[in-house]
């Protein structure tokens, strides 16, 4: 059953990759994969847990044993044995554990989904008010190469300030105002994903994995910025340089249709919504730092403020215009299949994590590769296939933070050690190799309906070249700086 679950995940992944040839929406494949994996886990829980590979089950058993050992001196052996068997082996306790695991993962997944829903709604609200037109009107060039450099650099630094997911959503909205041709827009959106992931890797708030390492104490904010910004910049620049010599021509700007008329909003309303939208997105990391609450609450707070503002702003307008400009009407335009796709793929990865597939992979890496650069390079490539969050969580669990002054192999595991810095880089940028390998890529794939196979043919080698070039720069930097 352990192997069967892996096979089903691979088949589901293949269906997502072959979405266009099969003519089956990726959201359906992802949801089926996630639900089937959890069903198999629940129906075969006892046998799967007896393998001893589930990290969560191991912790639960250890805690139960600690409790029983505490009371053992006061009970006879027969009672102790019955209690132990009832605690660990009973079907009801195993079923309860599976439900608890699912609920635990659902909380983490829901945080991402609510964050995504809030960000998409804020961006769509600004877009519906023609707020982004104030930015796109400033970008006069239609030359593909110049436009690509401008958008990539803008994305790189925006991603470090916001995060790679939010930045990608904003940039895709901008691209729709700048580029009419779908395949050209796919290419630009894909390059935005590369820049967003590169920008998120060197900032403590730019990517989920860097946030995990920062909160966990493995890295400090100043250090990650200082030592990872150059490799991340190279990761973005190398694909851009390659494309510069092959990309030719001009982009064609889209023509506004009747639903995007300027006379729905005044110049003041456009400017206000743009400022409020950007401020709401920038407020999210501030909210998280001050309150120590999950980022999605900051995003929902910003959405609530914008919702209230638009309700008051348009209360006296004709009903038809009001429906198009208030959040209630805009929510109908939000891309729900993308959110369901996130739910399905994250649920599938969570099932593999709970059963122990990812733990087995992590242990194999650490037992067979006693080289921090090789370990992290492989983690980066694997993060293009499965979510980088459980891989980084596995690394954090396998290797504790070493004491200052530690020598030998473990010297690189001190706070701000080379292992943690390079892990932040590799996990943050390696996902760009496949469109499904990062939250930014999944968002772009859903919003622009980018074909998985098209991305592999056109972008994957560019992303791999940038990834390896940045890794090489980090290695040389570590040698020079010590």
Protein backbone atom coordinates (compact mmCIF):
# COMPACT_ATOMS: atom_id res chain seq x y z
CA UNK A 1 0.00 0.00 0.00
CA UNK A 2 2.94 2.30 0.74
CA UNK A 3 4.15 1.82 -2.85
CA UNK A 4 0.62 2.06 -4.27
CA UNK A 5 0.17 5.51 -2.74
CA UNK A 6 3.36 6.67 -4.42
CA UNK A 7 2.19 5.23 -7.75
CA UNK A 8 -1.16 7.04 -7.48
CA UNK A 9 0.63 10.30 -6.71
CA UNK A 10 2.81 9.86 -9.80
CA UNK A 11 -0.25 9.07 -11.95
CA UNK A 12 -2.08 12.11 -10.61
CA UNK A 13 0.96 14.25 -11.25
CA UNK A 14 1.12 12.92 -14.81
CA UNK A 15 -2.56 13.81 -15.37
CA UNK A 16 -1.85 17.36 -14.19
CA UNK A 17 1.16 17.55 -16.50
CA UNK A 18 -0.89 16.25 -19.44
CA UNK A 19 -3.88 18.51 -18.77
CA UNK A 20 -4.07 19.91 -22.29
CA UNK A 21 -3.62 16.62 -24.25
CA UNK A 22 -6.10 14.82 -21.96
CA UNK A 23 -8.48 17.80 -21.93
CA UNK A 24 -9.07 17.25 -18.20
CA UNK A 25 -8.78 20.27 -15.92
CA UNK A 26 -5.84 19.99 -13.53
CA UNK A 27 -8.06 20.92 -10.55
CA UNK A 28 -10.08 17.71 -11.04
CA UNK A 29 -6.91 15.58 -11.23
CA UNK A 30 -5.41 17.25 -8.16
CA UNK A 31 -8.59 16.85 -6.07
CA UNK A 32 -8.93 13.19 -7.03
CA UNK A 33 -5.28 12.50 -6.23
CA UNK A 34 -5.49 14.16 -2.82
CA UNK A 35 -8.74 12.49 -1.76
CA UNK A 36 -7.75 9.01 -3.01
CA UNK A 37 -4.44 9.15 -1.15
CA UNK A 38 -6.13 10.10 2.12
CA UNK A 39 -8.79 7.41 1.62
CA UNK A 40 -6.12 4.75 1.08
CA UNK A 41 -4.30 5.99 4.16
CA UNK A 42 -7.47 5.79 6.29
CA UNK A 43 -8.50 2.34 4.99
CA UNK A 44 -5.03 0.86 5.51
CA UNK A 45 -3.89 2.95 8.45
CA UNK A 46 -2.86 0.15 10.80
CA UNK A 47 -0.60 -1.55 8.27
CA UNK A 48 0.93 1.72 7.09
CA UNK A 49 1.61 2.95 10.61
CA UNK A 50 3.15 -0.39 11.60
CA UNK A 51 5.90 0.33 9.06
CA UNK A 52 7.19 2.91 11.53
CA UNK A 53 7.82 5.51 8.84
CA UNK A 54 5.25 8.14 9.83
CA UNK A 55 7.03 10.91 11.78
CA UNK A 56 3.81 12.11 13.43
CA UNK A 57 2.81 8.61 14.56
CA UNK A 58 6.25 8.10 16.05
CA UNK A 59 5.84 11.27 18.10
CA UNK A 60 2.32 10.27 19.20
CA UNK A 61 3.48 6.80 20.31
CA UNK A 62 6.43 8.29 22.19
CA UNK A 63 4.14 10.69 24.06
CA UNK A 64 1.73 7.87 24.95
CA UNK A 65 4.61 5.79 26.23
CA UNK A 66 5.89 8.67 28.35
CA UNK A 67 2.45 9.03 29.99
CA UNK A 68 2.14 5.31 30.69
CA UNK A 69 5.69 5.08 32.00
CA UNK A 70 4.83 7.87 34.42
CA UNK A 71 1.98 5.85 35.95
CA UNK A 72 3.65 2.40 35.61
CA UNK A 73 5.07 2.30 39.16
CA UNK A 74 1.54 2.56 40.54
CA UNK A 75 -0.16 -0.17 38.46
CA UNK A 76 0.37 -3.87 37.88
CA UNK A 77 1.90 -5.21 34.67
CA UNK A 78 -1.36 -6.64 33.35
CA UNK A 79 -3.12 -3.26 33.57
CA UNK A 80 -0.13 -1.52 32.02
CA UNK A 81 -0.06 -3.94 29.05
CA UNK A 82 -3.81 -3.54 28.45
CA UNK A 83 -3.49 0.25 28.61
CA UNK A 84 -0.56 0.23 26.20
CA UNK A 85 -2.37 -1.98 23.69
CA UNK A 86 -5.53 0.12 23.96
CA UNK A 87 -3.59 3.35 23.46
CA UNK A 88 -1.48 2.37 20.47
CA UNK A 89 -3.10 -0.55 18.73
CA UNK A 90 -6.83 0.05 18.92
CA UNK A 91 -8.57 0.79 15.62
CA UNK A 92 -10.48 3.70 17.16
CA UNK A 93 -7.28 5.39 18.31
CA UNK A 94 -5.67 4.90 14.89
CA UNK A 95 -8.76 6.34 13.18
CA UNK A 96 -8.71 9.32 15.57
CA UNK A 97 -5.04 9.87 14.78
CA UNK A 98 -5.71 9.90 11.00
CA UNK A 99 -8.50 12.45 11.45
CA UNK A 100 -6.24 14.58 13.64
CA UNK A 101 -3.50 14.44 10.99
CA UNK A 102 -5.93 15.49 8.28
CA UNK A 103 -7.23 18.36 10.42
CA UNK A 104 -3.68 19.46 11.17
CA UNK A 105 -2.81 19.62 7.47
CA UNK A 106 -6.16 21.20 6.62
CA UNK A 107 -5.36 24.15 8.89
CA UNK A 108 -2.05 24.75 7.11
CA UNK A 109 -3.64 24.34 3.67
CA UNK A 110 -6.58 26.60 4.58
CA UNK A 111 -4.16 29.35 5.62
CA UNK A 112 -2.63 29.25 2.14
CA UNK A 113 -6.04 29.13 0.43
CA UNK A 114 -7.46 32.07 2.39
CA UNK A 115 -4.27 34.01 1.75
CA UNK A 116 -4.57 33.25 -1.96
CA UNK A 117 -8.28 34.11 -2.03
CA UNK A 118 -7.67 37.43 -0.26
CA UNK A 119 -4.74 38.38 -2.51
CA UNK A 120 -6.60 37.45 -5.71
CA UNK A 121 -9.67 39.45 -4.64
CA UNK A 122 -7.63 42.54 -3.72
CA UNK A 123 -5.77 42.42 -7.05
CA UNK A 124 -9.00 41.85 -8.98
CA UNK A 125 -10.63 44.80 -7.18
CA UNK A 126 -7.75 47.12 -8.08
CA UNK A 127 -7.86 45.79 -11.65
CA UNK A 128 -11.62 46.30 -11.96
CA UNK A 129 -11.15 49.92 -10.89
CA UNK A 130 -8.49 50.35 -13.62
CA UNK A 131 -5.89 50.98 -10.90
CA UNK A 132 -3.16 49.08 -12.69
CA UNK A 133 -3.68 51.30 -15.72
CA UNK A 134 -1.80 54.00 -13.80
CA UNK A 135 1.25 51.71 -13.80
CA UNK A 136 0.90 50.24 -17.28
CA UNK A 137 0.52 53.74 -18.77
CA UNK A 138 3.99 54.54 -17.43
CA UNK A 139 5.49 51.52 -19.22
CA UNK A 140 5.75 52.86 -22.75
CA UNK A 141 8.05 50.29 -24.33
CA UNK A 142 6.64 47.45 -26.40
CA UNK A 143 10.04 45.90 -27.10
CA UNK A 144 9.92 42.35 -25.74
CA UNK A 145 13.45 42.31 -24.33
CA UNK A 146 13.20 45.70 -22.59
CA UNK A 147 9.78 44.87 -21.21
CA UNK A 148 10.98 41.51 -19.90
CA UNK A 149 13.92 43.10 -18.05
CA UNK A 150 11.72 45.82 -16.55
CA UNK A 151 9.09 43.37 -15.32
CA UNK A 152 11.63 40.83 -14.01
CA UNK A 153 13.57 43.39 -11.98
CA UNK A 154 10.34 44.85 -10.62
CA UNK A 155 9.15 41.35 -9.68
CA UNK A 156 12.48 40.45 -8.04
CA UNK A 157 12.33 43.31 -5.53
CA UNK A 158 8.55 43.23 -5.05
CA UNK A 159 8.77 39.54 -4.15
CA UNK A 160 11.25 40.27 -1.38
CA UNK A 161 8.92 42.88 0.10
CA UNK A 162 5.60 41.11 -0.35
CA UNK A 163 6.17 37.41 -1.11
CA UNK A 164 6.52 35.38 -4.30
CA UNK A 165 2.86 34.29 -4.40
CA UNK A 166 1.32 37.74 -3.96
CA UNK A 167 3.82 39.32 -6.35
CA UNK A 168 3.02 36.78 -9.06
CA UNK A 169 -0.71 37.47 -8.77
CA UNK A 170 -0.07 41.22 -9.09
CA UNK A 171 2.30 40.83 -12.04
CA UNK A 172 -0.05 38.52 -13.94
CA UNK A 173 -2.73 41.21 -13.59
CA UNK A 174 -0.27 43.74 -15.04
CA UNK A 175 0.66 41.43 -17.90
CA UNK A 176 -2.96 41.18 -18.96
CA UNK A 177 -2.91 44.94 -19.52
CA UNK A 178 0.42 44.90 -21.36
CA UNK A 179 0.34 41.83 -23.62
CA UNK A 180 -2.50 40.61 -25.83
CA UNK A 181 -1.08 37.38 -27.32
CA UNK A 182 -1.64 34.40 -25.02
CA UNK A 183 1.58 32.46 -25.72
CA UNK A 184 3.67 35.63 -25.32
CA UNK A 185 1.90 36.31 -22.04
CA UNK A 186 2.60 32.72 -20.94
CA UNK A 187 6.29 33.29 -21.57
CA UNK A 188 6.36 36.56 -19.64
CA UNK A 189 4.32 35.09 -16.79
CA UNK A 190 6.74 32.15 -16.58
CA UNK A 191 9.72 34.50 -16.42
CA UNK A 192 7.87 36.39 -13.69
CA UNK A 193 7.66 33.12 -11.72
CA UNK A 194 11.45 32.71 -12.01
CA UNK A 195 12.03 36.28 -10.82
CA UNK A 196 9.46 36.00 -8.01
CA UNK A 197 11.01 32.80 -6.62
CA UNK A 198 14.51 34.27 -6.89
CA UNK A 199 13.38 37.45 -5.13
CA UNK A 200 11.66 35.51 -2.37
CA UNK A 201 14.70 33.36 -1.58
CA UNK A 202 16.91 36.15 -0.18
CA UNK A 203 14.26 37.82 1.97
CA UNK A 204 13.15 36.45 5.36
CA UNK A 205 9.52 37.22 4.39
CA UNK A 206 9.75 36.47 0.66
CA UNK A 207 8.94 32.75 0.70
CA UNK A 208 7.28 30.26 3.04
CA UNK A 209 10.52 28.30 3.46
CA UNK A 210 12.63 31.34 4.37
CA UNK A 211 9.92 32.36 6.85
CA UNK A 212 10.13 28.85 8.38
CA UNK A 213 13.92 29.06 8.72
CA UNK A 214 13.75 32.61 10.08
CA UNK A 215 11.10 31.80 12.70
CA UNK A 216 12.88 28.54 13.55
CA UNK A 217 16.06 30.41 14.39
CA UNK A 218 18.23 28.76 11.72
CA UNK A 219 18.86 32.09 9.96
CA UNK A 220 18.75 35.78 10.83
CA UNK A 221 17.23 38.44 8.59
CA UNK A 222 20.39 40.46 7.98
CA UNK A 223 22.48 37.38 7.23
CA UNK A 224 20.10 35.82 4.70
CA UNK A 225 19.85 39.12 2.83
CA UNK A 226 23.61 39.63 2.84
CA UNK A 227 24.68 36.18 1.65
CA UNK A 228 21.81 35.01 -0.57
CA UNK A 229 20.89 38.17 -2.52
CA UNK A 230 23.77 37.79 -5.02
CA UNK A 231 23.09 34.11 -5.87
CA UNK A 232 19.37 34.93 -6.16
CA UNK A 233 20.11 37.87 -8.48
CA UNK A 234 22.24 35.61 -10.68
CA UNK A 235 19.41 33.05 -10.75
CA UNK A 236 17.18 35.69 -12.31
CA UNK A 237 19.77 37.32 -14.58
CA UNK A 238 21.16 34.17 -16.27
CA UNK A 239 17.81 33.15 -17.89
CA UNK A 240 17.24 36.80 -18.85
CA UNK A 241 20.63 36.99 -20.57
CA UNK A 242 19.96 33.77 -22.48
CA UNK A 243 16.54 35.01 -23.59
CA UNK A 244 17.92 38.44 -24.55
CA UNK A 245 19.76 36.89 -27.51
CA UNK A 246 16.78 34.90 -28.77
CA UNK A 247 13.73 37.05 -28.05
CA UNK A 248 12.76 39.36 -30.90
CA UNK A 249 9.94 41.70 -31.82
CA UNK A 250 7.35 43.87 -30.14
CA UNK A 251 4.39 43.04 -27.91
CA UNK A 252 0.89 44.02 -28.92
CA UNK A 253 -1.13 45.82 -26.26
CA UNK A 254 -4.67 44.52 -25.63
CA UNK A 255 -7.65 46.66 -26.55
CA UNK A 256 -10.05 47.48 -23.71
CA UNK A 257 -13.42 45.83 -24.12
CA UNK A 258 -16.72 47.31 -23.02
CA UNK A 259 -16.45 45.79 -19.54
CA UNK A 260 -13.16 47.66 -18.95
CA UNK A 261 -14.34 51.17 -19.82
CA UNK A 262 -12.66 54.02 -17.99
CA UNK A 263 -15.91 55.82 -17.26
CA UNK A 264 -16.87 53.34 -14.52
CA UNK A 265 -14.36 55.05 -12.22
CA UNK A 266 -12.84 58.49 -11.79
CA UNK A 267 -9.07 59.14 -11.83
CA UNK A 268 -9.24 59.73 -8.07
CA UNK A 269 -10.95 56.39 -7.47
CA UNK A 270 -8.37 54.57 -9.58
CA UNK A 271 -5.49 56.15 -7.70
CA UNK A 272 -7.13 55.49 -4.31
CA UNK A 273 -7.75 51.80 -5.04
CA UNK A 274 -4.22 51.32 -6.37
CA UNK A 275 -2.72 52.88 -3.24
CA UNK A 276 -5.07 50.92 -0.95
CA UNK A 277 -4.41 47.66 -2.78
CA UNK A 278 -0.62 47.98 -2.66
CA UNK A 279 -0.78 49.16 0.96
CA UNK A 280 -2.95 46.18 1.93
CA UNK A 281 -0.43 43.78 0.39
CA UNK A 282 2.55 45.54 2.00
CA UNK A 283 0.74 45.53 5.35
CA UNK A 284 0.63 41.71 5.49
CA UNK A 285 4.26 41.15 6.63
CA UNK A 286 3.93 44.07 9.06
CA UNK A 287 0.76 42.53 10.52
CA UNK A 288 2.50 39.17 10.90
CA UNK A 289 5.59 40.66 12.56
CA UNK A 290 3.59 42.77 15.03
CA UNK A 291 0.85 40.26 15.96
CA UNK A 292 2.69 36.94 15.29
CA UNK A 293 -0.53 35.74 13.67
CA UNK A 294 -0.66 33.90 10.30
CA UNK A 295 -0.29 36.11 7.19
CA UNK A 296 -3.74 35.23 5.84
CA UNK A 297 -5.36 37.25 8.64
CA UNK A 298 -3.42 40.34 7.56
CA UNK A 299 -4.54 39.72 3.97
CA UNK A 300 -8.17 39.34 5.03
CA UNK A 301 -7.91 42.52 7.12
CA UNK A 302 -6.71 44.42 4.04
CA UNK A 303 -9.53 42.91 1.99
CA UNK A 304 -12.06 43.93 4.63
CA UNK A 305 -10.87 47.54 4.58
CA UNK A 306 -11.02 47.67 0.76
CA UNK A 307 -14.44 45.99 0.78
CA UNK A 308 -15.82 48.59 3.21
CA UNK A 309 -14.26 51.44 1.22
CA UNK A 310 -15.74 50.31 -2.10
CA UNK A 311 -19.18 49.81 -0.56
CA UNK A 312 -19.16 53.41 0.71
CA UNK A 313 -17.51 54.81 -2.43
CA UNK A 314 -20.06 53.34 -4.86
CA UNK A 315 -23.21 53.36 -2.73
CA UNK A 316 -24.89 56.05 -4.86
CA UNK A 317 -23.89 54.66 -8.27
CA UNK A 318 -26.24 52.75 -10.62
CA UNK A 319 -26.79 49.15 -9.55
CA UNK A 320 -25.11 47.74 -12.70
CA UNK A 321 -21.89 49.72 -12.05
CA UNK A 322 -22.00 48.97 -8.34
CA UNK A 323 -22.14 45.22 -8.98
CA UNK A 324 -18.97 45.42 -11.08
CA UNK A 325 -16.99 47.59 -8.67
CA UNK A 326 -17.78 46.24 -5.19
CA UNK A 327 -16.13 43.14 -3.76
CA UNK A 328 -19.38 41.14 -3.81
CA UNK A 329 -19.47 41.34 -7.60
CA UNK A 330 -15.73 40.92 -7.98
CA UNK A 331 -15.70 37.70 -5.95
CA UNK A 332 -17.68 36.08 -8.78
CA UNK A 333 -14.69 36.67 -11.08
CA UNK A 334 -12.10 35.10 -8.75
CA UNK A 335 -10.56 31.95 -10.23
CA UNK A 336 -12.01 29.24 -7.96
CA UNK A 337 -10.49 26.30 -9.94
CA UNK A 338 -7.01 27.60 -9.07
CA UNK A 339 -7.89 27.56 -5.38
CA UNK A 340 -9.29 24.02 -5.65
CA UNK A 341 -6.15 22.96 -7.52
CA UNK A 342 -4.07 24.24 -4.60
CA UNK A 343 -6.30 22.31 -2.19
CA UNK A 344 -5.91 19.07 -4.13
CA UNK A 345 -2.15 19.15 -4.72
CA UNK A 346 -1.34 20.27 -1.17
CA UNK A 347 -3.62 17.54 0.23
CA UNK A 348 -1.83 14.92 -1.87
CA UNK A 349 1.60 16.04 -0.67
CA UNK A 350 0.30 16.16 2.91
CA UNK A 351 -0.80 12.51 2.65
CA UNK A 352 2.69 11.47 1.51
CA UNK A 353 4.19 13.49 4.34
CA UNK A 354 1.90 11.90 6.95
CA UNK A 355 2.52 8.31 5.84
CA UNK A 356 6.27 8.89 5.74
CA UNK A 357 7.25 8.97 2.06
CA UNK A 358 8.95 12.35 2.38
CA UNK A 359 10.61 11.33 5.64
CA UNK A 360 12.12 8.28 3.93
CA UNK A 361 13.41 10.54 1.16
CA UNK A 362 14.92 13.00 3.63
CA UNK A 363 16.65 10.29 5.64
CA UNK A 364 18.08 8.72 2.49
CA UNK A 365 19.52 12.06 1.43
CA UNK A 366 21.13 12.75 4.76
CA UNK A 367 22.52 9.24 5.18
CA UNK A 368 23.98 8.97 1.67
CA UNK A 369 25.17 12.53 1.03
CA UNK A 370 27.46 13.94 3.66
CA UNK A 371 27.91 17.13 1.69
CA UNK A 372 25.76 20.17 2.44
CA UNK A 373 25.90 21.47 -1.13
CA UNK A 374 24.86 18.15 -2.69
CA UNK A 375 22.04 17.67 -0.16
CA UNK A 376 20.59 21.10 -0.77
CA UNK A 377 20.95 20.94 -4.56
CA UNK A 378 18.92 17.73 -4.57
CA UNK A 379 16.33 19.25 -2.21
CA UNK A 380 15.99 22.18 -4.63
CA UNK A 381 15.37 19.89 -7.61
CA UNK A 382 12.93 17.74 -5.60
CA UNK A 383 11.03 20.85 -4.57
CA UNK A 384 10.09 21.23 -8.22
CA UNK A 385 8.20 17.93 -7.93
CA UNK A 386 6.80 18.02 -4.39
CA UNK A 387 6.15 20.94 -2.09
CA UNK A 388 9.30 22.55 -0.70
CA UNK A 389 7.71 23.14 2.72
CA UNK A 390 7.76 19.49 3.96
CA UNK A 391 11.25 19.04 2.50
CA UNK A 392 12.55 22.03 4.45
CA UNK A 393 10.62 20.91 7.54
CA UNK A 394 12.30 17.51 7.18
CA UNK A 395 15.73 19.15 6.99
CA UNK A 396 14.98 21.24 10.08
CA UNK A 397 13.93 18.09 11.93
CA UNK A 398 16.84 15.92 10.79
CA UNK A 399 19.54 18.41 11.67
CA UNK A 400 19.28 20.41 14.91
CA UNK A 401 20.94 23.82 15.18
CA UNK A 402 24.56 23.24 16.19
CA UNK A 403 26.23 25.13 19.01
CA UNK A 404 28.58 27.97 18.12
CA UNK A 405 32.15 26.71 17.85
CA UNK A 406 31.13 23.25 16.56
CA UNK A 407 33.76 21.72 14.26
CA UNK A 408 33.60 19.16 11.45
CA UNK A 409 30.56 18.40 9.31
CA UNK A 410 28.12 19.90 11.83
CA UNK A 411 29.94 23.26 11.81
CA UNK A 412 27.76 24.33 8.89
CA UNK A 413 24.59 23.81 10.96
CA UNK A 414 25.10 26.66 13.43
CA UNK A 415 22.76 29.66 13.29
CA UNK A 416 23.42 31.37 9.93
CA UNK A 417 25.52 28.38 8.90
CA UNK A 418 26.12 27.56 5.24
CA UNK A 419 23.66 24.65 5.26
CA UNK A 420 20.71 26.84 6.30
CA UNK A 421 21.63 29.69 3.95
CA UNK A 422 22.02 27.36 0.99
CA UNK A 423 18.82 25.51 1.94
CA UNK A 424 16.91 28.81 1.80
CA UNK A 425 18.33 29.49 -1.67
CA UNK A 426 17.79 26.00 -3.11
CA UNK A 427 14.31 25.41 -1.69
CA UNK A 428 13.22 28.89 -2.77
CA UNK A 429 14.51 28.81 -6.35
CA UNK A 430 14.54 25.10 -7.26
CA UNK A 431 10.76 25.03 -7.57
CA UNK A 432 11.00 27.21 -10.67
CA UNK A 433 12.25 24.23 -12.69
CA UNK A 434 8.65 23.00 -13.05
CA UNK A 435 5.54 25.19 -13.15
CA UNK A 436 3.96 23.15 -10.36
CA UNK A 437 7.06 23.37 -8.15
CA UNK A 438 6.21 26.58 -6.30
CA UNK A 439 3.19 28.49 -5.05
CA UNK A 440 4.05 31.27 -7.50
CA UNK A 441 4.15 28.79 -10.39
CA UNK A 442 0.87 27.15 -9.41
CA UNK A 443 -0.80 30.58 -9.16
CA UNK A 444 0.49 31.63 -12.60
CA UNK A 445 -0.52 28.26 -14.06
CA UNK A 446 -4.04 28.65 -12.72
CA UNK A 447 -4.52 32.31 -13.60
CA UNK A 448 -3.12 32.09 -17.14
CA UNK A 449 -3.91 28.41 -17.84
CA UNK A 450 -0.25 27.75 -18.64
CA UNK A 451 0.36 24.27 -20.06
CA UNK A 452 2.68 22.08 -17.95
CA UNK A 453 4.37 20.54 -20.99
CA UNK A 454 4.78 23.96 -22.67
CA UNK A 455 6.54 25.24 -19.54
CA UNK A 456 8.87 22.21 -19.52
CA UNK A 457 9.84 22.80 -23.15
CA UNK A 458 10.22 26.58 -22.99
CA UNK A 459 11.20 27.46 -19.41
CA UNK A 460 12.53 24.49 -17.42
CA UNK A 461 16.04 24.54 -18.93
CA UNK A 462 16.25 28.31 -18.42
CA UNK A 463 15.21 27.88 -14.79
CA UNK A 464 17.71 25.04 -14.29
CA UNK A 465 20.52 27.14 -15.79
CA UNK A 466 19.70 30.02 -13.45
CA UNK A 467 19.39 27.66 -10.46
CA UNK A 468 22.79 26.04 -11.05
CA UNK A 469 24.45 29.38 -11.83
CA UNK A 470 23.18 30.88 -8.58
CA UNK A 471 24.28 27.78 -6.66
CA UNK A 472 27.75 28.12 -8.20
CA UNK A 473 27.92 31.77 -7.15
CA UNK A 474 26.95 30.85 -3.58
CA UNK A 475 29.64 28.15 -3.51
CA UNK A 476 32.33 30.53 -4.76
CA UNK A 477 31.11 33.20 -2.38
CA UNK A 478 31.36 30.80 0.58
CA UNK A 479 34.94 29.90 -0.39
CA UNK A 480 36.03 33.52 -0.76
CA UNK A 481 34.26 34.78 2.38
CA UNK A 482 34.91 31.65 4.40
